Amino acid sequence: MNERKGRKAVKSYYDIHLFSCTNQRAADHPRESCATRGGVDLQAHLKARVKTLETNLFIRANKAGCLDRCELGPVLVIYPEGTWYHVKTTSDVDEIIDRHVLGGAKVTRLLLAPDAQNPPR
C-alpha cells in the first residue's frame, strides 16, 4: 500500500489537488488568458505556500494549461470536490489555503458558480 507523509494514499491518490491556470495566449488573441492577469505568479505563490504546510494531508499544487474559463481568470480549481475560484492576489491564494484547504470552509467571496460567464466583481 502506498504511503505519503505517514498516511495511506486515498482513493483519489491526493487528498487535495489544486490546479491553477497559467495559460498564455498570443497578444492578438480575442480572449484574454490567466497568464496575462497574473496567473503565473499566483501559481508560483500557491506552490511555494503548499510546500510550507505542516499537515498530514497529501496535497499537490499543479500548473494547468487552459481550463476554458478565461474570462473568469485567473482561476484555481480544487479536486476531488471540483470547487472553482477566481483569484486576483496572493492574499486570495493564502485565504483559500487557510480556510478551504486546511480549514474545510469554502471562501464564498472568491467562488465561481458552475455556470458563471462573467468575472466576479
Protein backbone atom coordinates (compact mmCIF):
# COMPACT_ATOMS: atom_id res chain seq x y z
CA MET A 1 0.00 0.00 0.00
CA ASN A 2 1.40 3.45 -0.95
CA GLU A 3 2.14 5.84 1.91
CA ARG A 4 2.82 9.57 1.82
CA LYS A 5 3.83 11.60 4.86
CA GLY A 6 2.73 8.79 7.16
CA ARG A 7 -0.73 8.41 5.60
CA LYS A 8 -2.13 5.74 3.39
CA ALA A 9 -2.92 7.00 -0.11
CA VAL A 10 -6.62 7.72 -0.57
CA LYS A 11 -8.76 6.50 -3.42
CA SER A 12 -8.20 9.72 -5.42
CA TYR A 13 -4.44 9.49 -4.68
CA TYR A 14 -4.13 13.08 -3.42
CA ASP A 15 -6.28 14.29 -0.56
CA ILE A 16 -6.36 17.70 -2.22
CA HIS A 17 -5.23 18.53 -5.75
CA LEU A 18 -5.07 22.18 -6.78
CA PHE A 19 -4.86 23.25 -10.41
CA SER A 20 -4.03 26.86 -11.17
CA CYS A 21 -4.32 28.12 -14.74
CA THR A 22 -1.15 29.57 -16.25
CA ASN A 23 -2.28 29.51 -19.87
CA GLN A 24 -0.71 32.19 -22.11
CA ARG A 25 -2.46 33.20 -25.31
CA ALA A 26 -0.97 35.27 -28.12
CA ALA A 27 -1.28 39.03 -27.59
CA ASP A 28 -3.65 39.35 -30.58
CA HIS A 29 -5.95 36.52 -29.43
CA PRO A 30 -9.58 37.67 -28.92
CA ARG A 31 -9.78 36.04 -25.47
CA GLU A 32 -7.52 37.05 -22.61
CA SER A 33 -5.63 34.44 -20.64
CA CYS A 34 -4.95 33.72 -16.99
CA ALA A 35 -1.22 34.36 -17.53
CA THR A 36 -1.85 37.94 -18.66
CA ARG A 37 -3.83 38.50 -15.46
CA GLY A 38 -1.08 37.30 -13.12
CA GLY A 39 -1.81 33.57 -13.14
CA VAL A 40 1.85 32.53 -13.38
CA ASP A 41 2.91 34.47 -10.28
CA LEU A 42 -0.18 33.34 -8.38
CA GLN A 43 0.54 29.69 -9.20
CA ALA A 44 4.16 30.08 -8.08
CA HIS A 45 2.93 31.52 -4.77
CA LEU A 46 0.40 28.69 -4.41
CA LYS A 47 3.05 26.02 -4.98
CA ALA A 48 5.57 27.64 -2.62
CA ARG A 49 2.95 28.06 0.08
CA VAL A 50 1.73 24.46 -0.20
CA LYS A 51 5.31 23.24 0.23
CA THR A 52 5.49 25.01 3.62
CA LEU A 53 2.36 23.41 5.04
CA GLU A 54 2.71 21.13 8.02
CA THR A 55 -0.21 18.78 7.60
CA ASN A 56 -0.96 15.10 7.23
CA LEU A 57 -2.93 15.85 4.07
CA PHE A 58 -1.36 14.71 0.81
CA ILE A 59 -1.64 17.94 -1.22
CA ARG A 60 -0.40 18.71 -4.72
CA ALA A 61 -0.40 22.12 -6.47
CA ASN A 62 -0.04 21.96 -10.24
CA LYS A 63 0.11 24.36 -13.15
CA ALA A 64 -2.70 23.90 -15.61
CA GLY A 65 -3.00 24.87 -19.21
CA CYS A 66 -6.25 26.38 -20.37
CA LEU A 67 -9.19 25.45 -18.14
CA ASP A 68 -11.51 27.25 -20.61
CA ARG A 69 -12.81 29.81 -18.13
CA CYS A 70 -10.51 32.52 -19.46
CA GLU A 71 -12.81 35.46 -18.90
CA LEU A 72 -13.08 34.50 -15.24
CA GLY A 73 -9.37 34.15 -14.58
CA PRO A 74 -7.04 33.67 -13.08
CA VAL A 75 -8.80 30.52 -11.97
CA LEU A 76 -7.95 27.82 -9.44
CA VAL A 77 -9.83 24.54 -9.12
CA ILE A 78 -9.62 22.17 -6.18
CA TYR A 79 -10.21 18.45 -6.52
CA PRO A 80 -11.58 15.99 -5.65
CA GLU A 81 -14.66 18.16 -4.97
CA GLY A 82 -14.30 20.40 -8.03
CA THR A 83 -14.51 23.80 -6.33
CA TRP A 84 -13.61 26.71 -8.62
CA TYR A 85 -12.16 30.04 -7.50
CA HIS A 86 -11.30 33.35 -9.12
CA VAL A 87 -8.06 34.64 -7.60
CA LYS A 88 -6.53 38.10 -8.02
CA THR A 89 -3.90 38.33 -5.30
CA THR A 90 -1.54 36.23 -3.23
CA SER A 91 -3.77 37.11 -0.27
CA ASP A 92 -6.65 35.38 -2.08
CA VAL A 93 -4.44 32.29 -2.54
CA ASP A 94 -3.47 32.35 1.15
CA GLU A 95 -7.10 32.66 2.22
CA ILE A 96 -8.09 29.67 0.07
CA ILE A 97 -5.26 27.60 1.54
CA ASP A 98 -6.01 28.62 5.13
CA ARG A 99 -9.79 28.46 5.03
CA HIS A 100 -10.58 25.83 2.40
CA VAL A 101 -7.58 23.50 2.11
CA LEU A 102 -6.69 23.45 5.80
CA GLY A 103 -9.98 24.52 7.39
CA GLY A 104 -12.56 22.86 5.14
CA ALA A 105 -14.62 26.04 4.62
CA LYS A 106 -15.12 27.48 1.15
CA VAL A 107 -14.16 31.11 0.54
CA THR A 108 -17.52 32.27 -0.75
CA ARG A 109 -16.40 35.69 -1.97
CA LEU A 110 -14.00 34.02 -4.44
CA LEU A 111 -16.18 31.10 -5.59
CA LEU A 112 -17.12 30.68 -9.23
CA ALA A 113 -20.54 29.24 -9.92
CA PRO A 114 -20.55 26.30 -12.35
CA ASP A 115 -22.43 28.41 -14.89
CA ALA A 116 -20.55 31.70 -14.31
CA GLN A 117 -19.95 33.59 -17.54
CA ASN A 118 -18.58 36.90 -16.30
CA PRO A 119 -15.84 37.75 -13.82
CA PRO A 120 -16.98 38.30 -10.23
CA ARG A 121 -16.94 41.90 -9.06
